[in-house]
Amino acid sequence: QVQLVESGGGLVQPGGSLRLSCAASGSIFTIAAMDWHRQAPGKQREFVAGITSGGSTNYADSVKGRFTISRDSAKNTVYLQMNSLKPEDTAVYYCYAPEFGPGDDYWGQGTQVTVSS
C-alpha cells in the first residue's frame, strides 16, 4: 500500500506562482511514476505532469513552459512548481502513483488551486 498526501494549494492571482507537494509513504519501492492530475468543476480529470522512477518528465501541452515537476527522493516527495498561473488552471490537483506492472494505483485526496483576481 502507498499513501499520498498533497499540500500547497491555495488562492493566487493570475500570473502568480504556487508549489504543490506530494509526500509518499508505505511501499514506495513499488511506484513506477508519480503524476499530477487536475479536475476543474464540470470537467474530466486530466493529466498535468509526471515523473518516472528513472527521472523522466512529461507535461500536458497546456502547462509546458509554466509548470515544473521535480522530486526529492530522500523525502519521497514530488513537487509541482506552477508559474504564470491562469484562471483556467483553477482545479483540484491530485497526486497519482501507479505501481510497476499490473499492480494497483493510488490517488491523493487532492488540493484546491484557485487562480483569481
C-alpha atoms as a PDB file:
ATOM      1  CA  GLN A   1       0.000   0.000   0.000  1.00  0.00           C
ATOM      2  CA  VAL A   2       1.058   3.549  -0.756  1.00  0.00           C
ATOM      3  CA  GLN A   3      -0.263   6.707   0.843  1.00  0.00           C
ATOM      4  CA  LEU A   4      -0.103  10.072  -0.925  1.00  0.00           C
ATOM      5  CA  VAL A   5      -0.629  13.398   0.809  1.00  0.00           C
ATOM      6  CA  GLU A   6      -0.785  16.639  -1.158  1.00  0.00           C
ATOM      7  CA  SER A   7      -0.258  20.124   0.170  1.00  0.00           C
ATOM      8  CA  GLY A   8       0.419  23.627  -1.070  1.00  0.00           C
ATOM      9  CA  GLY A   9      -2.808  24.622  -2.766  1.00  0.00           C
ATOM     10  CA  GLY A  10      -4.484  27.960  -2.257  1.00  0.00           C
ATOM     11  CA  LEU A  11      -5.720  31.162  -3.820  1.00  0.00           C
ATOM     12  CA  VAL A  12      -3.369  33.078  -6.103  1.00  0.00           C
ATOM     13  CA  GLN A  13      -3.768  35.957  -8.528  1.00  0.00           C
ATOM     14  CA  PRO A  14      -3.287  35.467 -12.263  1.00  0.00           C
ATOM     15  CA  GLY A  15       0.408  35.492 -13.094  1.00  0.00           C
ATOM     16  CA  GLY A  16       1.319  34.240  -9.645  1.00  0.00           C
ATOM     17  CA  SER A  17       3.036  31.058  -8.513  1.00  0.00           C
ATOM     18  CA  LEU A  18       2.351  28.122  -6.233  1.00  0.00           C
ATOM     19  CA  ARG A  19       4.265  24.987  -5.358  1.00  0.00           C
ATOM     20  CA  LEU A  20       2.399  21.782  -4.662  1.00  0.00           C
ATOM     21  CA  SER A  21       3.913  18.891  -2.741  1.00  0.00           C
ATOM     22  CA  CYS A  22       3.017  15.214  -2.731  1.00  0.00           C
ATOM     23  CA  ALA A  23       4.544  13.107   0.022  1.00  0.00           C
ATOM     24  CA  ALA A  24       4.511   9.352  -0.475  1.00  0.00           C
ATOM     25  CA  SER A  25       4.732   6.743   2.252  1.00  0.00           C
ATOM     26  CA  GLY A  26       4.324   2.998   2.522  1.00  0.00           C
ATOM     27  CA  SER A  27       5.558   0.588  -0.168  1.00  0.00           C
ATOM     28  CA  ILE A  28       7.108   3.312  -2.286  1.00  0.00           C
ATOM     29  CA  PHE A  29       9.539   0.887  -3.946  1.00  0.00           C
ATOM     30  CA  THR A  30       6.570  -0.393  -5.970  1.00  0.00           C
ATOM     31  CA  ILE A  31       5.861   3.013  -7.539  1.00  0.00           C
ATOM     32  CA  ALA A  32       6.662   3.367 -11.248  1.00  0.00           C
ATOM     33  CA  ALA A  33       5.950   7.083 -11.511  1.00  0.00           C
ATOM     34  CA  MET A  34       4.302   9.991  -9.777  1.00  0.00           C
ATOM     35  CA  ASP A  35       1.984  12.265 -11.668  1.00  0.00           C
ATOM     36  CA  TRP A  36      -0.122  15.320 -11.092  1.00  0.00           C
ATOM     37  CA  HIS A  37      -3.644  15.414 -12.465  1.00  0.00           C
ATOM     38  CA  ARG A  38      -6.303  18.058 -12.067  1.00  0.00           C
ATOM     39  CA  GLN A  39     -10.055  18.317 -12.251  1.00  0.00           C
ATOM     40  CA  ALA A  40     -11.893  21.562 -12.813  1.00  0.00           C
ATOM     41  CA  PRO A  41     -15.599  21.933 -11.980  1.00  0.00           C
ATOM     42  CA  GLY A  42     -17.726  20.215 -14.597  1.00  0.00           C
ATOM     43  CA  LYS A  43     -14.723  18.764 -16.415  1.00  0.00           C
ATOM     44  CA  GLN A  44     -12.974  15.429 -16.557  1.00  0.00           C
ATOM     45  CA  ARG A  45      -9.813  14.813 -14.619  1.00  0.00           C
ATOM     46  CA  GLU A  46      -6.770  15.445 -16.812  1.00  0.00           C
ATOM     47  CA  PHE A  47      -3.070  14.716 -16.732  1.00  0.00           C
ATOM     48  CA  VAL A  48      -0.838  17.675 -15.890  1.00  0.00           C
ATOM     49  CA  ALA A  49       2.719  16.413 -15.383  1.00  0.00           C
ATOM     50  CA  GLY A  50       4.559  13.246 -14.488  1.00  0.00           C
ATOM     51  CA  ILE A  51       7.957  11.978 -13.417  1.00  0.00           C
ATOM     52  CA  THR A  52       9.053   8.356 -13.688  1.00  0.00           C
ATOM     53  CA  SER A  53      11.167   6.413 -11.224  1.00  0.00           C
ATOM     54  CA  GLY A  54      14.038   6.972 -13.664  1.00  0.00           C
ATOM     55  CA  GLY A  55      13.557  10.730 -13.596  1.00  0.00           C
ATOM     56  CA  SER A  56      11.962  11.272 -16.997  1.00  0.00           C
ATOM     57  CA  THR A  57       9.356  14.005 -17.066  1.00  0.00           C
ATOM     58  CA  ASN A  58       6.450  14.889 -19.308  1.00  0.00           C
ATOM     59  CA  TYR A  59       3.852  17.610 -19.351  1.00  0.00           C
ATOM     60  CA  ALA A  60       0.477  18.435 -20.772  1.00  0.00           C
ATOM     61  CA  ASP A  61       0.748  20.950 -23.591  1.00  0.00           C
ATOM     62  CA  SER A  62      -1.345  23.420 -21.608  1.00  0.00           C
ATOM     63  CA  VAL A  63       1.290  23.722 -18.869  1.00  0.00           C
ATOM     64  CA  LYS A  64       4.567  23.305 -20.766  1.00  0.00           C
ATOM     65  CA  GLY A  65       6.936  26.147 -20.017  1.00  0.00           C
ATOM     66  CA  ARG A  66       4.962  27.199 -16.933  1.00  0.00           C
ATOM     67  CA  PHE A  67       4.918  24.142 -14.659  1.00  0.00           C
ATOM     68  CA  THR A  68       7.879  22.072 -13.496  1.00  0.00           C
ATOM     69  CA  ILE A  69       7.699  18.684 -11.806  1.00  0.00           C
ATOM     70  CA  SER A  70      10.578  17.559  -9.619  1.00  0.00           C
ATOM     71  CA  ARG A  71      11.285  15.171  -6.786  1.00  0.00           C
ATOM     72  CA  ASP A  72      13.289  14.820  -3.613  1.00  0.00           C
ATOM     73  CA  SER A  73      13.978  11.107  -3.329  1.00  0.00           C
ATOM     74  CA  ALA A  74      15.302  11.452   0.209  1.00  0.00           C
ATOM     75  CA  LYS A  75      11.937  12.851   1.292  1.00  0.00           C
ATOM     76  CA  ASN A  76       9.839  10.643  -1.024  1.00  0.00           C
ATOM     77  CA  THR A  77       8.208  13.841  -2.196  1.00  0.00           C
ATOM     78  CA  VAL A  78       7.281  15.152  -5.623  1.00  0.00           C
ATOM     79  CA  TYR A  79       6.738  18.824  -6.285  1.00  0.00           C
ATOM     80  CA  LEU A  80       4.833  20.779  -8.897  1.00  0.00           C
ATOM     81  CA  GLN A  81       6.107  24.316  -9.310  1.00  0.00           C
ATOM     82  CA  MET A  82       3.416  26.327 -11.050  1.00  0.00           C
ATOM     83  CA  ASN A  83       4.335  29.713 -12.502  1.00  0.00           C
ATOM     84  CA  SER A  84       2.429  32.214 -14.632  1.00  0.00           C
ATOM     85  CA  LEU A  85      -0.829  30.790 -13.344  1.00  0.00           C
ATOM     86  CA  LYS A  86      -4.003  31.442 -15.301  1.00  0.00           C
ATOM     87  CA  PRO A  87      -7.645  31.333 -14.228  1.00  0.00           C
ATOM     88  CA  GLU A  88      -8.051  28.183 -16.338  1.00  0.00           C
ATOM     89  CA  ASP A  89      -5.543  26.440 -14.062  1.00  0.00           C
ATOM     90  CA  THR A  90      -8.161  26.545 -11.306  1.00  0.00           C
ATOM     91  CA  ALA A  91      -8.894  22.968 -10.273  1.00  0.00           C
ATOM     92  CA  VAL A  92      -8.415  20.354  -7.613  1.00  0.00           C
ATOM     93  CA  TYR A  93      -4.928  18.935  -8.124  1.00  0.00           C
ATOM     94  CA  TYR A  94      -4.370  15.267  -7.375  1.00  0.00           C
ATOM     95  CA  CYS A  95      -1.208  13.266  -6.930  1.00  0.00           C
ATOM     96  CA  TYR A  96      -1.269   9.872  -8.642  1.00  0.00           C
ATOM     97  CA  ALA A  97       1.130   6.935  -8.361  1.00  0.00           C
ATOM     98  CA  PRO A  98       0.838   3.742 -10.414  1.00  0.00           C
ATOM     99  CA  GLU A  99       2.714   0.605  -9.437  1.00  0.00           C
ATOM    100  CA  PHE A 100       5.078  -1.244 -11.751  1.00  0.00           C
ATOM    101  CA  GLY A 101       3.397  -3.861 -13.888  1.00  0.00           C
ATOM    102  CA  PRO A 102      -0.224  -4.886 -13.401  1.00  0.00           C
ATOM    103  CA  GLY A 103      -0.371  -3.516  -9.897  1.00  0.00           C
ATOM    104  CA  ASP A 104      -2.506  -1.053  -8.030  1.00  0.00           C
ATOM    105  CA  ASP A 105      -2.580   2.675  -8.445  1.00  0.00           C
ATOM    106  CA  TYR A 106      -3.027   5.320  -5.807  1.00  0.00           C
ATOM    107  CA  TRP A 107      -4.535   8.788  -5.569  1.00  0.00           C
ATOM    108  CA  GLY A 108      -4.097  11.503  -3.020  1.00  0.00           C
ATOM    109  CA  GLN A 109      -7.001  13.415  -1.514  1.00  0.00           C
ATOM    110  CA  GLY A 110      -6.466  16.477  -3.711  1.00  0.00           C
ATOM    111  CA  THR A 111      -5.605  20.085  -3.041  1.00  0.00           C
ATOM    112  CA  GLN A 112      -7.550  23.082  -4.346  1.00  0.00           C
ATOM    113  CA  VAL A 113      -5.835  25.639  -6.533  1.00  0.00           C
ATOM    114  CA  THR A 114      -7.796  28.790  -7.332  1.00  0.00           C
ATOM    115  CA  VAL A 115      -6.440  31.427  -9.696  1.00  0.00           C
ATOM    116  CA  SER A 116      -8.486  34.583  -9.428  1.00  0.00           C
ATOM    117  CA  SER A 117      -8.121  38.317  -9.018  1.00  0.00           C
END
